[in-house]
Amino acid sequence: MRTYPGTFIDRVNERLSDKIAAAEVRTAVLQAKNALLFEDDEAYQAAMLALEATVDTLSTSDRDIIAEIAAELLATGAPAEPEQQ
């Protein structure tokens, strides 16, 4: 089963032509995911700020692609991360 962060990262990798930007987005998403797993609010905020800063530097078309991907996943109810036991 794919998770929301994993699916988001896969789709960003597939659809963004700028692979460096895709890698930066992937890094920020994975940092946010890990911060949530460890319940580290400060690290989560830092990761989300890094994601926002990365997206802000992208071309308008790449920003639109990322917004489309997020909207698609939210609309389809992509699976959440499994709970840690």
PDB file of N, CA and C in Angstrom:
ATOM      1  N   MET A   1       0.843  -1.179   0.000  1.00  0.00           N
ATOM      2  CA  MET A   1       0.000   0.000   0.000  1.00  0.00           C
ATOM      3  C   MET A   1       0.891   1.245   0.000  1.00  0.00           C
ATOM      4  N   ARG A   2       0.609   2.174  -0.879  1.00  0.00           N
ATOM      5  CA  ARG A   2       1.345   3.430  -0.947  1.00  0.00           C
ATOM      6  C   ARG A   2       0.824   4.373   0.125  1.00  0.00           C
ATOM      7  N   THR A   3       1.703   5.166   0.644  1.00  0.00           N
ATOM      8  CA  THR A   3       1.330   6.161   1.637  1.00  0.00           C
ATOM      9  C   THR A   3       1.243   7.517   0.966  1.00  0.00           C
ATOM     10  N   TYR A   4       0.612   8.458   1.639  1.00  0.00           N
ATOM     11  CA  TYR A   4       0.474   9.797   1.089  1.00  0.00           C
ATOM     12  C   TYR A   4       1.834  10.407   0.742  1.00  0.00           C
ATOM     13  N   PRO A   5       2.813  10.457   1.687  1.00  0.00           N
ATOM     14  CA  PRO A   5       4.109  11.053   1.324  1.00  0.00           C
ATOM     15  C   PRO A   5       4.797  10.309   0.179  1.00  0.00           C
ATOM     16  N   GLY A   6       4.727   8.988   0.201  1.00  0.00           N
ATOM     17  CA  GLY A   6       5.367   8.207  -0.851  1.00  0.00           C
ATOM     18  C   GLY A   6       4.739   8.446  -2.211  1.00  0.00           C
ATOM     19  N   THR A   7       3.426   8.469  -2.252  1.00  0.00           N
ATOM     20  CA  THR A   7       2.717   8.728  -3.500  1.00  0.00           C
ATOM     21  C   THR A   7       3.002  10.139  -3.994  1.00  0.00           C
ATOM     22  N   PHE A   8       2.994  11.102  -3.096  1.00  0.00           N
ATOM     23  CA  PHE A   8       3.288  12.492  -3.457  1.00  0.00           C
ATOM     24  C   PHE A   8       4.685  12.585  -4.069  1.00  0.00           C
ATOM     25  N   ILE A   9       5.664  11.986  -3.413  1.00  0.00           N
ATOM     26  CA  ILE A   9       7.047  12.017  -3.900  1.00  0.00           C
ATOM     27  C   ILE A   9       7.154  11.345  -5.266  1.00  0.00           C
ATOM     28  N   ASP A  10       6.515  10.196  -5.427  1.00  0.00           N
ATOM     29  CA  ASP A  10       6.557   9.494  -6.716  1.00  0.00           C
ATOM     30  C   ASP A  10       5.992  10.365  -7.834  1.00  0.00           C
ATOM     31  N   ARG A  11       4.874  10.999  -7.572  1.00  0.00           N
ATOM     32  CA  ARG A  11       4.240  11.825  -8.606  1.00  0.00           C
ATOM     33  C   ARG A  11       5.053  13.073  -8.910  1.00  0.00           C
ATOM     34  N   VAL A  12       5.668  13.664  -7.896  1.00  0.00           N
ATOM     35  CA  VAL A  12       6.535  14.821  -8.128  1.00  0.00           C
ATOM     36  C   VAL A  12       7.719  14.393  -8.993  1.00  0.00           C
ATOM     37  N   ASN A  13       8.323  13.253  -8.690  1.00  0.00           N
ATOM     38  CA  ASN A  13       9.448  12.751  -9.486  1.00  0.00           C
ATOM     39  C   ASN A  13       9.051  12.503 -10.937  1.00  0.00           C
ATOM     40  N   GLU A  14       7.849  11.975 -11.143  1.00  0.00           N
ATOM     41  CA  GLU A  14       7.371  11.670 -12.487  1.00  0.00           C
ATOM     42  C   GLU A  14       7.073  12.930 -13.294  1.00  0.00           C
ATOM     43  N   ARG A  15       6.502  13.929 -12.648  1.00  0.00           N
ATOM     44  CA  ARG A  15       5.938  15.048 -13.407  1.00  0.00           C
ATOM     45  C   ARG A  15       6.800  16.306 -13.461  1.00  0.00           C
ATOM     46  N   LEU A  16       7.727  16.483 -12.527  1.00  0.00           N
ATOM     47  CA  LEU A  16       8.576  17.673 -12.583  1.00  0.00           C
ATOM     48  C   LEU A  16       9.742  17.421 -13.522  1.00  0.00           C
ATOM     49  N   SER A  17       9.974  18.368 -14.403  1.00  0.00           N
ATOM     50  CA  SER A  17      11.110  18.225 -15.320  1.00  0.00           C
ATOM     51  C   SER A  17      12.426  18.571 -14.625  1.00  0.00           C
ATOM     52  N   ASP A  18      12.371  19.420 -13.607  1.00  0.00           N
ATOM     53  CA  ASP A  18      13.565  19.827 -12.861  1.00  0.00           C
ATOM     54  C   ASP A  18      13.824  18.795 -11.761  1.00  0.00           C
ATOM     55  N   LYS A  19      14.733  17.871 -12.028  1.00  0.00           N
ATOM     56  CA  LYS A  19      14.983  16.762 -11.094  1.00  0.00           C
ATOM     57  C   LYS A  19      15.669  17.226  -9.813  1.00  0.00           C
ATOM     58  N   ILE A  20      16.409  18.319  -9.873  1.00  0.00           N
ATOM     59  CA  ILE A  20      17.011  18.862  -8.652  1.00  0.00           C
ATOM     60  C   ILE A  20      15.917  19.381  -7.733  1.00  0.00           C
ATOM     61  N   ALA A  21      14.970  20.094  -8.299  1.00  0.00           N
ATOM     62  CA  ALA A  21      13.837  20.590  -7.503  1.00  0.00           C
ATOM     63  C   ALA A  21      13.033  19.423  -6.944  1.00  0.00           C
ATOM     64  N   ALA A  22      12.835  18.387  -7.755  1.00  0.00           N
ATOM     65  CA  ALA A  22      12.101  17.206  -7.286  1.00  0.00           C
ATOM     66  C   ALA A  22      12.815  16.573  -6.097  1.00  0.00           C
ATOM     67  N   ALA A  23      14.137  16.521  -6.141  1.00  0.00           N
ATOM     68  CA  ALA A  23      14.905  15.963  -5.025  1.00  0.00           C
ATOM     69  C   ALA A  23      14.778  16.825  -3.778  1.00  0.00           C
ATOM     70  N   GLU A  24      14.762  18.146  -3.951  1.00  0.00           N
ATOM     71  CA  GLU A  24      14.606  19.041  -2.800  1.00  0.00           C
ATOM     72  C   GLU A  24      13.217  18.905  -2.187  1.00  0.00           C
ATOM     73  N   VAL A  25      12.203  18.761  -3.024  1.00  0.00           N
ATOM     74  CA  VAL A  25      10.840  18.541  -2.526  1.00  0.00           C
ATOM     75  C   VAL A  25      10.796  17.217  -1.769  1.00  0.00           C
ATOM     76  N   ARG A  26      11.381  16.171  -2.341  1.00  0.00           N
ATOM     77  CA  ARG A  26      11.409  14.853  -1.686  1.00  0.00           C
ATOM     78  C   ARG A  26      12.062  14.936  -0.313  1.00  0.00           C
ATOM     79  N   THR A  27      13.189  15.632  -0.236  1.00  0.00           N
ATOM     80  CA  THR A  27      13.906  15.764   1.033  1.00  0.00           C
ATOM     81  C   THR A  27      13.035  16.438   2.089  1.00  0.00           C
ATOM     82  N   ALA A  28      12.388  17.541   1.711  1.00  0.00           N
ATOM     83  CA  ALA A  28      11.544  18.260   2.675  1.00  0.00           C
ATOM     84  C   ALA A  28      10.345  17.420   3.111  1.00  0.00           C
ATOM     85  N   VAL A  29       9.734  16.697   2.182  1.00  0.00           N
ATOM     86  CA  VAL A  29       8.583  15.850   2.529  1.00  0.00           C
ATOM     87  C   VAL A  29       9.012  14.733   3.474  1.00  0.00           C
ATOM     88  N   LEU A  30      10.139  14.109   3.196  1.00  0.00           N
ATOM     89  CA  LEU A  30      10.619  13.033   4.077  1.00  0.00           C
ATOM     90  C   LEU A  30      11.011  13.562   5.455  1.00  0.00           C
ATOM     91  N   GLN A  31      11.586  14.764   5.505  1.00  0.00           N
ATOM     92  CA  GLN A  31      11.907  15.363   6.805  1.00  0.00           C
ATOM     93  C   GLN A  31      10.635  15.640   7.593  1.00  0.00           C
ATOM     94  N   ALA A  32       9.606  16.130   6.916  1.00  0.00           N
ATOM     95  CA  ALA A  32       8.330  16.385   7.600  1.00  0.00           C
ATOM     96  C   ALA A  32       7.717  15.081   8.091  1.00  0.00           C
ATOM     97  N   LYS A  33       7.758  14.059   7.259  1.00  0.00           N
ATOM     98  CA  LYS A  33       7.220  12.749   7.645  1.00  0.00           C
ATOM     99  C   LYS A  33       7.930  12.215   8.887  1.00  0.00           C
ATOM    100  N   ASN A  34       9.259  12.290   8.893  1.00  0.00           N
ATOM    101  CA  ASN A  34      10.020  11.800  10.041  1.00  0.00           C
ATOM    102  C   ASN A  34       9.744  12.624  11.293  1.00  0.00           C
ATOM    103  N   ALA A  35       9.605  13.929  11.136  1.00  0.00           N
ATOM    104  CA  ALA A  35       9.302  14.784  12.283  1.00  0.00           C
ATOM    105  C   ALA A  35       7.953  14.405  12.889  1.00  0.00           C
ATOM    106  N   LEU A  36       6.984  14.099  12.033  1.00  0.00           N
ATOM    107  CA  LEU A  36       5.678  13.667  12.548  1.00  0.00           C
ATOM    108  C   LEU A  36       5.788  12.332  13.281  1.00  0.00           C
ATOM    109  N   LEU A  37       6.556  11.419  12.715  1.00  0.00           N
ATOM    110  CA  LEU A  37       6.716  10.113  13.361  1.00  0.00           C
ATOM    111  C   LEU A  37       7.328  10.233  14.749  1.00  0.00           C
ATOM    112  N   PHE A  38       8.268  11.181  14.885  1.00  0.00           N
ATOM    113  CA  PHE A  38       8.940  11.376  16.169  1.00  0.00           C
ATOM    114  C   PHE A  38       8.282  12.466  17.016  1.00  0.00           C
ATOM    115  N   GLU A  39       7.122  12.950  16.533  1.00  0.00           N
ATOM    116  CA  GLU A  39       6.353  13.979  17.248  1.00  0.00           C
ATOM    117  C   GLU A  39       7.223  15.180  17.598  1.00  0.00           C
ATOM    118  N   ASP A  40       8.010  15.623  16.630  1.00  0.00           N
ATOM    119  CA  ASP A  40       8.910  16.759  16.802  1.00  0.00           C
ATOM    120  C   ASP A  40       8.338  17.957  16.050  1.00  0.00           C
ATOM    121  N   ASP A  41       7.557  18.764  16.755  1.00  0.00           N
ATOM    122  CA  ASP A  41       6.872  19.898  16.134  1.00  0.00           C
ATOM    123  C   ASP A  41       7.839  20.902  15.511  1.00  0.00           C
ATOM    124  N   GLU A  42       8.947  21.151  16.181  1.00  0.00           N
ATOM    125  CA  GLU A  42       9.915  22.123  15.677  1.00  0.00           C
ATOM    126  C   GLU A  42      10.540  21.633  14.359  1.00  0.00           C
ATOM    127  N   ALA A  43      10.890  20.370  14.298  1.00  0.00           N
ATOM    128  CA  ALA A  43      11.464  19.803  13.074  1.00  0.00           C
ATOM    129  C   ALA A  43      10.432  19.785  11.949  1.00  0.00           C
ATOM    130  N   TYR A  44       9.169  19.524  12.302  1.00  0.00           N
ATOM    131  CA  TYR A  44       8.101  19.527  11.299  1.00  0.00           C
ATOM    132  C   TYR A  44       7.937  20.922  10.710  1.00  0.00           C
ATOM    133  N   GLN A  45       7.912  21.930  11.562  1.00  0.00           N
ATOM    134  CA  GLN A  45       7.780  23.305  11.070  1.00  0.00           C
ATOM    135  C   GLN A  45       8.959  23.674  10.180  1.00  0.00           C
ATOM    136  N   ALA A  46      10.152  23.276  10.559  1.00  0.00           N
ATOM    137  CA  ALA A  46      11.342  23.562   9.752  1.00  0.00           C
ATOM    138  C   ALA A  46      11.251  22.879   8.387  1.00  0.00           C
ATOM    139  N   ALA A  47      10.791  21.639   8.377  1.00  0.00           N
ATOM    140  CA  ALA A  47      10.658  20.905   7.117  1.00  0.00           C
ATOM    141  C   ALA A  47       9.602  21.543   6.218  1.00  0.00           C
ATOM    142  N   MET A  48       8.503  21.976   6.810  1.00  0.00           N
ATOM    143  CA  MET A  48       7.456  22.612   6.015  1.00  0.00           C
ATOM    144  C   MET A  48       7.917  23.966   5.476  1.00  0.00           C
ATOM    145  N   LEU A  49       8.702  24.690   6.243  1.00  0.00           N
ATOM    146  CA  LEU A  49       9.272  25.950   5.751  1.00  0.00           C
ATOM    147  C   LEU A  49      10.257  25.681   4.615  1.00  0.00           C
ATOM    148  N   ALA A  50      11.034  24.610   4.740  1.00  0.00           N
ATOM    149  CA  ALA A  50      11.962  24.242   3.670  1.00  0.00           C
ATOM    150  C   ALA A  50      11.198  23.853   2.408  1.00  0.00           C
ATOM    151  N   LEU A  51      10.105  23.137   2.572  1.00  0.00           N
ATOM    152  CA  LEU A  51       9.276  22.764   1.430  1.00  0.00           C
ATOM    153  C   LEU A  51       8.695  24.006   0.772  1.00  0.00           C
ATOM    154  N   GLU A  52       8.173  24.909   1.579  1.00  0.00           N
ATOM    155  CA  GLU A  52       7.608  26.146   1.049  1.00  0.00           C
ATOM    156  C   GLU A  52       8.671  26.958   0.303  1.00  0.00           C
ATOM    157  N   ALA A  53       9.861  27.067   0.876  1.00  0.00           N
ATOM    158  CA  ALA A  53      10.944  27.815   0.235  1.00  0.00           C
ATOM    159  C   ALA A  53      11.356  27.165  -1.082  1.00  0.00           C
ATOM    160  N   THR A  54      11.393  25.851  -1.112  1.00  0.00           N
ATOM    161  CA  THR A  54      11.735  25.132  -2.344  1.00  0.00           C
ATOM    162  C   THR A  54      10.691  25.381  -3.416  1.00  0.00           C
ATOM    163  N   VAL A  55       9.434  25.243  -3.044  1.00  0.00           N
ATOM    164  CA  VAL A  55       8.351  25.436  -4.010  1.00  0.00           C
ATOM    165  C   VAL A  55       8.331  26.881  -4.514  1.00  0.00           C
ATOM    166  N   ASP A  56       8.623  27.834  -3.645  1.00  0.00           N
ATOM    167  CA  ASP A  56       8.630  29.245  -4.051  1.00  0.00           C
ATOM    168  C   ASP A  56       9.652  29.545  -5.138  1.00  0.00           C
ATOM    169  N   THR A  57      10.728  28.755  -5.216  1.00  0.00           N
ATOM    170  CA  THR A  57      11.768  29.004  -6.216  1.00  0.00           C
ATOM    171  C   THR A  57      11.466  28.345  -7.561  1.00  0.00           C
ATOM    172  N   LEU A  58      10.441  27.516  -7.609  1.00  0.00           N
ATOM    173  CA  LEU A  58      10.121  26.793  -8.839  1.00  0.00           C
ATOM    174  C   LEU A  58       9.406  27.696  -9.842  1.00  0.00           C
ATOM    175  N   SER A  59       9.414  27.259 -11.079  1.00  0.00           N
ATOM    176  CA  SER A  59       8.663  27.974 -12.105  1.00  0.00           C
ATOM    177  C   SER A  59       7.174  27.864 -11.784  1.00  0.00           C
ATOM    178  N   THR A  60       6.408  28.747 -12.364  1.00  0.00           N
ATOM    179  CA  THR A  60       4.960  28.730 -12.140  1.00  0.00           C
ATOM    180  C   THR A  60       4.365  27.398 -12.573  1.00  0.00           C
ATOM    181  N   SER A  61       4.817  26.856 -13.686  1.00  0.00           N
ATOM    182  CA  SER A  61       4.257  25.580 -14.151  1.00  0.00           C
ATOM    183  C   SER A  61       4.584  24.439 -13.189  1.00  0.00           C
ATOM    184  N   ASP A  62       5.803  24.427 -12.628  1.00  0.00           N
ATOM    185  CA  ASP A  62       6.146  23.388 -11.655  1.00  0.00           C
ATOM    186  C   ASP A  62       5.364  23.561 -10.357  1.00  0.00           C
ATOM    187  N   ARG A  63       5.154  24.803  -9.924  1.00  0.00           N
ATOM    188  CA  ARG A  63       4.329  25.038  -8.722  1.00  0.00           C
ATOM    189  C   ARG A  63       2.908  24.557  -8.975  1.00  0.00           C
ATOM    190  N   ASP A  64       2.398  24.810 -10.177  1.00  0.00           N
ATOM    191  CA  ASP A  64       1.050  24.352 -10.512  1.00  0.00           C
ATOM    192  C   ASP A  64       0.964  22.830 -10.497  1.00  0.00           C
ATOM    193  N   ILE A  65       2.012  22.172 -10.986  1.00  0.00           N
ATOM    194  CA  ILE A  65       2.044  20.702 -10.983  1.00  0.00           C
ATOM    195  C   ILE A  65       1.993  20.181  -9.550  1.00  0.00           C
ATOM    196  N   ILE A  66       2.775  20.773  -8.665  1.00  0.00           N
ATOM    197  CA  ILE A  66       2.786  20.334  -7.267  1.00  0.00           C
ATOM    198  C   ILE A  66       1.418  20.560  -6.628  1.00  0.00           C
ATOM    199  N   ALA A  67       0.800  21.686  -6.909  1.00  0.00           N
ATOM    200  CA  ALA A  67      -0.543  21.956  -6.375  1.00  0.00           C
ATOM    201  C   ALA A  67      -1.550  20.943  -6.911  1.00  0.00           C
ATOM    202  N   GLU A  68      -1.448  20.589  -8.183  1.00  0.00           N
ATOM    203  CA  GLU A  68      -2.343  19.584  -8.771  1.00  0.00           C
ATOM    204  C   GLU A  68      -2.167  18.233  -8.094  1.00  0.00           C
ATOM    205  N   ILE A  69      -0.926  17.840  -7.894  1.00  0.00           N
ATOM    206  CA  ILE A  69      -0.648  16.549  -7.255  1.00  0.00           C
ATOM    207  C   ILE A  69      -1.244  16.511  -5.855  1.00  0.00           C
ATOM    208  N   ALA A  70      -1.013  17.562  -5.082  1.00  0.00           N
ATOM    209  CA  ALA A  70      -1.557  17.614  -3.719  1.00  0.00           C
ATOM    210  C   ALA A  70      -3.080  17.564  -3.743  1.00  0.00           C
ATOM    211  N   ALA A  71      -3.690  18.325  -4.644  1.00  0.00           N
ATOM    212  CA  ALA A  71      -5.154  18.345  -4.731  1.00  0.00           C
ATOM    213  C   ALA A  71      -5.700  16.973  -5.126  1.00  0.00           C
ATOM    214  N   GLU A  72      -5.040  16.310  -6.083  1.00  0.00           N
ATOM    215  CA  GLU A  72      -5.475  14.972  -6.501  1.00  0.00           C
ATOM    216  C   GLU A  72      -5.427  13.992  -5.336  1.00  0.00           C
ATOM    217  N   LEU A  73      -4.336  14.034  -4.583  1.00  0.00           N
ATOM    218  CA  LEU A  73      -4.201  13.100  -3.464  1.00  0.00           C
ATOM    219  C   LEU A  73      -5.207  13.383  -2.361  1.00  0.00           C
ATOM    220  N   LEU A  74      -5.440  14.649  -2.096  1.00  0.00           N
ATOM    221  CA  LEU A  74      -6.430  14.993  -1.069  1.00  0.00           C
ATOM    222  C   LEU A  74      -7.835  14.592  -1.512  1.00  0.00           C
ATOM    223  N   ALA A  75      -8.129  14.766  -2.787  1.00  0.00           N
ATOM    224  CA  ALA A  75      -9.461  14.434  -3.306  1.00  0.00           C
ATOM    225  C   ALA A  75      -9.721  12.933  -3.308  1.00  0.00           C
ATOM    226  N   THR A  76      -8.677  12.139  -3.522  1.00  0.00           N
ATOM    227  CA  THR A  76      -8.862  10.694  -3.594  1.00  0.00           C
ATOM    228  C   THR A  76      -8.725  10.018  -2.234  1.00  0.00           C
ATOM    229  N   GLY A  77      -8.387  10.802  -1.215  1.00  0.00           N
ATOM    230  CA  GLY A  77      -8.244  10.195   0.105  1.00  0.00           C
ATOM    231  C   GLY A  77      -7.078   9.236   0.168  1.00  0.00           C
ATOM    232  N   ALA A  78      -5.927   9.669  -0.322  1.00  0.00           N
ATOM    233  CA  ALA A  78      -4.726   8.832  -0.306  1.00  0.00           C
ATOM    234  C   ALA A  78      -4.479   8.307   1.106  1.00  0.00           C
ATOM    235  N   PRO A  79      -3.969   7.104   1.216  1.00  0.00           N
ATOM    236  CA  PRO A  79      -3.786   6.502   2.532  1.00  0.00           C
ATOM    237  C   PRO A  79      -2.791   7.281   3.390  1.00  0.00           C
ATOM    238  N   ALA A  80      -3.051   7.296   4.661  1.00  0.00           N
ATOM    239  CA  ALA A  80      -2.150   7.929   5.620  1.00  0.00           C
ATOM    240  C   ALA A  80      -1.050   6.949   5.987  1.00  0.00           C
ATOM    241  N   GLU A  81      -0.047   7.466   6.656  1.00  0.00           N
ATOM    242  CA  GLU A  81       1.025   6.592   7.149  1.00  0.00           C
ATOM    243  C   GLU A  81       0.442   5.598   8.149  1.00  0.00           C
ATOM    244  N   PRO A  82       0.902   4.364   8.130  1.00  0.00           N
ATOM    245  CA  PRO A  82       0.440   3.409   9.149  1.00  0.00           C
ATOM    246  C   PRO A  82       0.915   3.846  10.518  1.00  0.00           C
ATOM    247  N   GLU A  83       0.100   3.565  11.517  1.00  0.00           N
ATOM    248  CA  GLU A  83       0.461   3.936  12.884  1.00  0.00           C
ATOM    249  C   GLU A  83       1.621   3.079  13.349  1.00  0.00           C
ATOM    250  N   GLN A  84       2.515   3.711  14.103  1.00  0.00           N
ATOM    251  CA  GLN A  84       3.647   2.993  14.678  1.00  0.00           C
ATOM    252  C   GLN A  84       3.186   2.206  15.894  1.00  0.00           C
ATOM    253  N   GLN A  85       3.679   1.019  16.043  1.00  0.00           N
ATOM    254  CA  GLN A  85       3.275   0.179  17.167  1.00  0.00           C
ATOM    255  C   GLN A  85       4.362   0.123  18.208  1.00  0.00           C
TER     256      GLN A  85
END
